Amino acid sequence: MSDNSSALPKGEKMKNITINIPDIYDKNIQKLINLKLLASRSEAIRTALREFLNKEYSKNLDLLGYFNFEDKKIE
């Protein structure tokens, strides 16, 4: 499975959202799930988003409070 070292702390609340992705993305995610490299579609999307944020905004994530789980209230 993937490295969750940057994952949310245990017990952190999740927000349920709906997204639309191209069929080819879903087919490839399903292949990764079948190979037991990912547990679910949700894990795939969370991992991709976390990696995107780390890559594109790593210099600013601390400023945005991304790593400060105690005092964030984003609605």
C-alpha atoms as a PDB file:
ATOM      1  CA  MET A   1       0.000   0.000   0.000  1.00  0.00           C
ATOM      2  CA  SER A   2       1.048   3.607  -0.312  1.00  0.00           C
ATOM      3  CA  ASP A   3       2.999   5.592   2.251  1.00  0.00           C
ATOM      4  CA  ASN A   4       0.586   7.504   4.481  1.00  0.00           C
ATOM      5  CA  SER A   5       3.246   9.416   6.420  1.00  0.00           C
ATOM      6  CA  SER A   6       1.568  12.718   5.477  1.00  0.00           C
ATOM      7  CA  ALA A   7      -1.932  11.394   6.075  1.00  0.00           C
ATOM      8  CA  LEU A   8      -4.361  12.953   8.495  1.00  0.00           C
ATOM      9  CA  PRO A   9      -4.077  11.972  12.134  1.00  0.00           C
ATOM     10  CA  LYS A  10      -6.171   9.053  13.341  1.00  0.00           C
ATOM     11  CA  GLY A  11      -9.732  10.162  14.009  1.00  0.00           C
ATOM     12  CA  GLU A  12      -9.539  13.210  11.743  1.00  0.00           C
ATOM     13  CA  LYS A  13     -12.915  13.886  10.149  1.00  0.00           C
ATOM     14  CA  MET A  14     -13.291  13.395   6.427  1.00  0.00           C
ATOM     15  CA  LYS A  15     -15.481  15.442   4.093  1.00  0.00           C
ATOM     16  CA  ASN A  16     -17.565  13.494   1.580  1.00  0.00           C
ATOM     17  CA  ILE A  17     -17.369  15.016  -1.906  1.00  0.00           C
ATOM     18  CA  THR A  18     -18.441  13.926  -5.365  1.00  0.00           C
ATOM     19  CA  ILE A  19     -16.059  14.185  -8.303  1.00  0.00           C
ATOM     20  CA  ASN A  20     -16.177  13.212 -11.960  1.00  0.00           C
ATOM     21  CA  ILE A  21     -13.113  11.576 -13.483  1.00  0.00           C
ATOM     22  CA  PRO A  22     -12.453  10.185 -16.951  1.00  0.00           C
ATOM     23  CA  ASP A  23     -13.197   6.473 -17.403  1.00  0.00           C
ATOM     24  CA  ILE A  24      -9.530   5.737 -18.099  1.00  0.00           C
ATOM     25  CA  TYR A  25      -8.569   7.124 -14.664  1.00  0.00           C
ATOM     26  CA  ASP A  26     -11.151   4.894 -13.005  1.00  0.00           C
ATOM     27  CA  LYS A  27      -9.973   1.844 -14.972  1.00  0.00           C
ATOM     28  CA  ASN A  28      -6.393   2.458 -13.897  1.00  0.00           C
ATOM     29  CA  ILE A  29      -7.403   3.015 -10.274  1.00  0.00           C
ATOM     30  CA  GLN A  30      -9.307  -0.289 -10.398  1.00  0.00           C
ATOM     31  CA  LYS A  31      -6.184  -2.022 -11.742  1.00  0.00           C
ATOM     32  CA  LEU A  32      -4.182  -0.678  -8.797  1.00  0.00           C
ATOM     33  CA  ILE A  33      -6.877  -1.855  -6.384  1.00  0.00           C
ATOM     34  CA  ASN A  34      -6.898  -5.325  -7.989  1.00  0.00           C
ATOM     35  CA  LEU A  35      -3.112  -5.461  -7.626  1.00  0.00           C
ATOM     36  CA  LYS A  36      -3.594  -4.590  -3.928  1.00  0.00           C
ATOM     37  CA  LEU A  37      -1.517  -1.415  -4.340  1.00  0.00           C
ATOM     38  CA  LEU A  38      -4.441   0.693  -3.164  1.00  0.00           C
ATOM     39  CA  ALA A  39      -7.312  -0.141  -0.865  1.00  0.00           C
ATOM     40  CA  SER A  40      -9.982   1.971  -2.548  1.00  0.00           C
ATOM     41  CA  ARG A  41     -10.823   4.762  -4.958  1.00  0.00           C
ATOM     42  CA  SER A  42     -10.968   7.135  -2.022  1.00  0.00           C
ATOM     43  CA  GLU A  43      -7.421   6.238  -1.027  1.00  0.00           C
ATOM     44  CA  ALA A  44      -6.276   6.784  -4.616  1.00  0.00           C
ATOM     45  CA  ILE A  45      -7.822  10.257  -4.781  1.00  0.00           C
ATOM     46  CA  ARG A  46      -6.555  11.235  -1.300  1.00  0.00           C
ATOM     47  CA  THR A  47      -3.045  10.041  -2.195  1.00  0.00           C
ATOM     48  CA  ALA A  48      -3.056  11.895  -5.517  1.00  0.00           C
ATOM     49  CA  LEU A  49      -4.338  15.094  -3.917  1.00  0.00           C
ATOM     50  CA  ARG A  50      -1.836  14.887  -1.038  1.00  0.00           C
ATOM     51  CA  GLU A  51       1.047  14.332  -3.485  1.00  0.00           C
ATOM     52  CA  PHE A  52      -0.159  17.194  -5.698  1.00  0.00           C
ATOM     53  CA  LEU A  53      -0.368  19.570  -2.731  1.00  0.00           C
ATOM     54  CA  ASN A  54       3.065  18.507  -1.485  1.00  0.00           C
ATOM     55  CA  LYS A  55       4.641  18.902  -4.928  1.00  0.00           C
ATOM     56  CA  GLU A  56       2.977  22.111  -6.062  1.00  0.00           C
ATOM     57  CA  TYR A  57       2.574  23.984  -2.807  1.00  0.00           C
ATOM     58  CA  SER A  58       5.088  22.503  -0.362  1.00  0.00           C
ATOM     59  CA  LYS A  59       6.635  25.902   0.321  1.00  0.00           C
ATOM     60  CA  ASN A  60       3.255  27.358   1.217  1.00  0.00           C
ATOM     61  CA  LEU A  61       1.525  24.407   2.922  1.00  0.00           C
ATOM     62  CA  ASP A  62       2.852  25.348   6.336  1.00  0.00           C
ATOM     63  CA  LEU A  63       1.644  28.930   5.823  1.00  0.00           C
ATOM     64  CA  LEU A  64      -1.789  27.608   4.862  1.00  0.00           C
ATOM     65  CA  GLY A  65      -1.975  25.591   8.084  1.00  0.00           C
ATOM     66  CA  TYR A  66      -1.964  22.263   6.258  1.00  0.00           C
ATOM     67  CA  PHE A  67       0.161  20.666   8.946  1.00  0.00           C
ATOM     68  CA  ASN A  68      -1.640  22.309  11.876  1.00  0.00           C
ATOM     69  CA  PHE A  69      -4.520  19.908  12.496  1.00  0.00           C
ATOM     70  CA  GLU A  70      -5.566  21.271  15.893  1.00  0.00           C
ATOM     71  CA  ASP A  71      -6.886  24.706  14.957  1.00  0.00           C
ATOM     72  CA  LYS A  72      -8.279  24.306  11.464  1.00  0.00           C
ATOM     73  CA  LYS A  73     -11.968  24.768  10.763  1.00  0.00           C
ATOM     74  CA  ILE A  74     -12.523  24.773   7.003  1.00  0.00           C
ATOM     75  CA  GLU A  75     -16.138  24.630   5.914  1.00  0.00           C
END
